Amino acid sequence: MAFVLAPIESIKLNCVIQLPQDFGKTQKADVDVTWKRLKVDEKNQIIKDLTDPDNSLTDVDVLRRLILDIDGIKDPSGSDIHYTEALLEQLCQEDYIRTPLIEQAQKQLYDKSFLEAIHRKN
């Protein structure tokens, strides 16, 4: 296969969420997250913003910039819930959802310097 130089605007990844259950047990669920793929300059700017003590950029702000869509979320009746920023805000209020989203952004899309910046900031 030949290498074709073309922009890659987004990457879709499956994100596993451990749903808390009674007696300390968890149940696995998953969603498909479409992430914005950043160019090096954009990535470096986010890292700079995260490491700047005078900048108030948070991990949720980063997720807002990077997540384009989330598929696989349903309401209790089984109907699909479509992605919105309000939904992301709601999801990020739950640690068991927020943490895997942040970890996936760190591990799948960025290098070690981004991971370290997130941890220092938060």
C-alpha atoms as a PDB file:
ATOM      1  CA  MET A   1       0.000   0.000   0.000  1.00  0.00           C
ATOM      2  CA  ALA A   2       1.343   3.405  -0.942  1.00  0.00           C
ATOM      3  CA  PHE A   3       1.531   6.239   1.559  1.00  0.00           C
ATOM      4  CA  VAL A   4      -0.930   8.974   0.640  1.00  0.00           C
ATOM      5  CA  LEU A   5      -0.241  12.352   2.169  1.00  0.00           C
ATOM      6  CA  ALA A   6      -3.690  13.552   3.158  1.00  0.00           C
ATOM      7  CA  PRO A   7      -4.967  15.283   6.284  1.00  0.00           C
ATOM      8  CA  ILE A   8      -6.426  13.069   8.990  1.00  0.00           C
ATOM      9  CA  GLU A   9      -8.975  15.217  10.779  1.00  0.00           C
ATOM     10  CA  SER A  10     -10.329  12.746  13.325  1.00  0.00           C
ATOM     11  CA  ILE A  11      -9.749   9.366  14.936  1.00  0.00           C
ATOM     12  CA  LYS A  12     -12.458   7.093  16.348  1.00  0.00           C
ATOM     13  CA  LEU A  13     -11.564   4.981  19.381  1.00  0.00           C
ATOM     14  CA  ASN A  14     -13.536   2.635  21.583  1.00  0.00           C
ATOM     15  CA  CYS A  15     -13.540   3.766  25.219  1.00  0.00           C
ATOM     16  CA  VAL A  16     -14.286   1.211  27.946  1.00  0.00           C
ATOM     17  CA  ILE A  17     -16.129   2.494  31.002  1.00  0.00           C
ATOM     18  CA  GLN A  18     -16.336   0.553  34.263  1.00  0.00           C
ATOM     19  CA  LEU A  19     -19.857   1.139  35.589  1.00  0.00           C
ATOM     20  CA  PRO A  20     -19.953   0.962  39.392  1.00  0.00           C
ATOM     21  CA  GLN A  21     -22.200  -1.748  40.813  1.00  0.00           C
ATOM     22  CA  ASP A  22     -23.178  -2.898  44.303  1.00  0.00           C
ATOM     23  CA  PHE A  23     -20.617  -4.470  46.634  1.00  0.00           C
ATOM     24  CA  GLY A  24     -17.647  -2.905  44.840  1.00  0.00           C
ATOM     25  CA  LYS A  25     -18.246  -4.701  41.577  1.00  0.00           C
ATOM     26  CA  THR A  26     -18.136  -3.063  38.160  1.00  0.00           C
ATOM     27  CA  GLN A  27     -19.721  -3.755  34.802  1.00  0.00           C
ATOM     28  CA  LYS A  28     -17.989  -2.931  31.532  1.00  0.00           C
ATOM     29  CA  ALA A  29     -19.682  -0.697  28.999  1.00  0.00           C
ATOM     30  CA  ASP A  30     -18.172   0.992  25.997  1.00  0.00           C
ATOM     31  CA  VAL A  31     -18.705   3.998  23.770  1.00  0.00           C
ATOM     32  CA  ASP A  32     -17.090   5.056  20.513  1.00  0.00           C
ATOM     33  CA  VAL A  33     -15.416   8.438  20.823  1.00  0.00           C
ATOM     34  CA  THR A  34     -14.450  10.508  17.791  1.00  0.00           C
ATOM     35  CA  TRP A  35     -11.419  12.631  18.647  1.00  0.00           C
ATOM     36  CA  LYS A  36     -10.110  15.647  16.793  1.00  0.00           C
ATOM     37  CA  ARG A  37      -6.604  14.892  15.587  1.00  0.00           C
ATOM     38  CA  LEU A  38      -4.385  17.858  16.276  1.00  0.00           C
ATOM     39  CA  LYS A  39      -1.362  19.034  14.376  1.00  0.00           C
ATOM     40  CA  VAL A  40       1.871  19.395  16.330  1.00  0.00           C
ATOM     41  CA  ASP A  41       1.494  23.173  16.761  1.00  0.00           C
ATOM     42  CA  GLU A  42      -2.044  22.783  18.143  1.00  0.00           C
ATOM     43  CA  LYS A  43      -0.922  20.032  20.504  1.00  0.00           C
ATOM     44  CA  ASN A  44       2.018  22.106  21.711  1.00  0.00           C
ATOM     45  CA  GLN A  45      -0.283  25.064  22.406  1.00  0.00           C
ATOM     46  CA  ILE A  46      -2.555  22.906  24.576  1.00  0.00           C
ATOM     47  CA  ILE A  47       0.454  21.561  26.459  1.00  0.00           C
ATOM     48  CA  LYS A  48       1.727  25.121  26.939  1.00  0.00           C
ATOM     49  CA  ASP A  49      -1.693  26.238  28.196  1.00  0.00           C
ATOM     50  CA  LEU A  50      -1.904  23.295  30.591  1.00  0.00           C
ATOM     51  CA  THR A  51       1.519  23.965  32.055  1.00  0.00           C
ATOM     52  CA  ASP A  52       1.016  27.737  32.391  1.00  0.00           C
ATOM     53  CA  PRO A  53      -0.020  28.438  36.003  1.00  0.00           C
ATOM     54  CA  ASP A  54      -1.773  31.641  34.867  1.00  0.00           C
ATOM     55  CA  ASN A  55      -3.971  29.768  32.394  1.00  0.00           C
ATOM     56  CA  SER A  56      -7.201  28.264  33.715  1.00  0.00           C
ATOM     57  CA  LEU A  57      -7.456  25.508  31.072  1.00  0.00           C
ATOM     58  CA  THR A  58      -8.776  22.306  32.696  1.00  0.00           C
ATOM     59  CA  ASP A  59      -8.968  18.681  31.669  1.00  0.00           C
ATOM     60  CA  VAL A  60     -12.638  19.162  30.763  1.00  0.00           C
ATOM     61  CA  ASP A  61     -11.703  22.157  28.582  1.00  0.00           C
ATOM     62  CA  VAL A  62      -9.282  19.874  26.744  1.00  0.00           C
ATOM     63  CA  LEU A  63     -11.992  17.237  26.283  1.00  0.00           C
ATOM     64  CA  ARG A  64     -14.322  19.938  24.903  1.00  0.00           C
ATOM     65  CA  ARG A  65     -11.685  20.861  22.311  1.00  0.00           C
ATOM     66  CA  LEU A  66     -10.872  17.290  21.340  1.00  0.00           C
ATOM     67  CA  ILE A  67     -14.094  15.263  21.424  1.00  0.00           C
ATOM     68  CA  LEU A  68     -16.130  15.622  18.259  1.00  0.00           C
ATOM     69  CA  ASP A  69     -18.707  12.901  18.922  1.00  0.00           C
ATOM     70  CA  ILE A  70     -19.567  10.051  21.267  1.00  0.00           C
ATOM     71  CA  ASP A  71     -21.668   7.131  20.003  1.00  0.00           C
ATOM     72  CA  GLY A  72     -23.191   4.400  22.108  1.00  0.00           C
ATOM     73  CA  ILE A  73     -24.860   6.305  24.933  1.00  0.00           C
ATOM     74  CA  LYS A  74     -28.482   5.383  25.604  1.00  0.00           C
ATOM     75  CA  ASP A  75     -31.139   6.613  28.000  1.00  0.00           C
ATOM     76  CA  PRO A  76     -32.859   4.188  30.426  1.00  0.00           C
ATOM     77  CA  SER A  77     -35.489   3.320  27.782  1.00  0.00           C
ATOM     78  CA  GLY A  78     -32.776   2.321  25.283  1.00  0.00           C
ATOM     79  CA  SER A  79     -33.019   5.350  22.991  1.00  0.00           C
ATOM     80  CA  ASP A  80     -29.792   6.828  21.635  1.00  0.00           C
ATOM     81  CA  ILE A  81     -28.556  10.024  23.244  1.00  0.00           C
ATOM     82  CA  HIS A  82     -26.839  12.253  20.702  1.00  0.00           C
ATOM     83  CA  TYR A  83     -23.620  14.025  21.603  1.00  0.00           C
ATOM     84  CA  THR A  84     -23.706  17.655  22.697  1.00  0.00           C
ATOM     85  CA  GLU A  85     -21.394  19.768  24.849  1.00  0.00           C
ATOM     86  CA  ALA A  86     -24.063  19.645  27.560  1.00  0.00           C
ATOM     87  CA  LEU A  87     -23.867  15.835  27.470  1.00  0.00           C
ATOM     88  CA  LEU A  88     -20.076  16.004  27.815  1.00  0.00           C
ATOM     89  CA  GLU A  89     -20.491  18.270  30.843  1.00  0.00           C
ATOM     90  CA  GLN A  90     -22.900  15.748  32.355  1.00  0.00           C
ATOM     91  CA  LEU A  91     -20.566  12.818  31.641  1.00  0.00           C
ATOM     92  CA  CYS A  92     -17.595  14.624  33.163  1.00  0.00           C
ATOM     93  CA  GLN A  93     -19.457  14.984  36.462  1.00  0.00           C
ATOM     94  CA  GLU A  94     -18.970  11.240  36.957  1.00  0.00           C
ATOM     95  CA  ASP A  95     -15.395  10.157  37.731  1.00  0.00           C
ATOM     96  CA  TYR A  96     -15.967   6.677  36.302  1.00  0.00           C
ATOM     97  CA  ILE A  97     -16.698   8.291  32.915  1.00  0.00           C
ATOM     98  CA  ARG A  98     -14.408  11.324  33.076  1.00  0.00           C
ATOM     99  CA  THR A  99     -11.304   9.325  33.964  1.00  0.00           C
ATOM    100  CA  PRO A 100     -11.344   6.917  30.987  1.00  0.00           C
ATOM    101  CA  LEU A 101     -12.042   9.810  28.587  1.00  0.00           C
ATOM    102  CA  ILE A 102      -9.059  11.751  29.921  1.00  0.00           C
ATOM    103  CA  GLU A 103      -6.855   8.657  29.939  1.00  0.00           C
ATOM    104  CA  GLN A 104      -7.805   7.873  26.362  1.00  0.00           C
ATOM    105  CA  ALA A 105      -6.959  11.399  25.250  1.00  0.00           C
ATOM    106  CA  GLN A 106      -3.602  11.063  26.962  1.00  0.00           C
ATOM    107  CA  LYS A 107      -2.688   7.573  25.802  1.00  0.00           C
ATOM    108  CA  GLN A 108      -4.131   7.378  22.313  1.00  0.00           C
ATOM    109  CA  LEU A 109      -3.687  10.853  20.917  1.00  0.00           C
ATOM    110  CA  TYR A 110      -0.724  12.396  22.705  1.00  0.00           C
ATOM    111  CA  ASP A 111       2.752  11.686  23.893  1.00  0.00           C
ATOM    112  CA  LYS A 112       4.198  11.556  27.396  1.00  0.00           C
ATOM    113  CA  SER A 113       4.618  15.332  27.660  1.00  0.00           C
ATOM    114  CA  PHE A 114       0.870  15.841  27.272  1.00  0.00           C
ATOM    115  CA  LEU A 115       0.156  13.203  29.919  1.00  0.00           C
ATOM    116  CA  GLU A 116       2.527  14.908  32.335  1.00  0.00           C
ATOM    117  CA  ALA A 117       0.991  18.323  31.656  1.00  0.00           C
ATOM    118  CA  ILE A 118      -2.516  17.081  32.460  1.00  0.00           C
ATOM    119  CA  HIS A 119      -1.339  15.506  35.716  1.00  0.00           C
ATOM    120  CA  ARG A 120       0.536  18.646  36.789  1.00  0.00           C
ATOM    121  CA  LYS A 121      -2.434  20.886  36.006  1.00  0.00           C
ATOM    122  CA  ASN A 122      -5.020  18.809  37.843  1.00  0.00           C
END
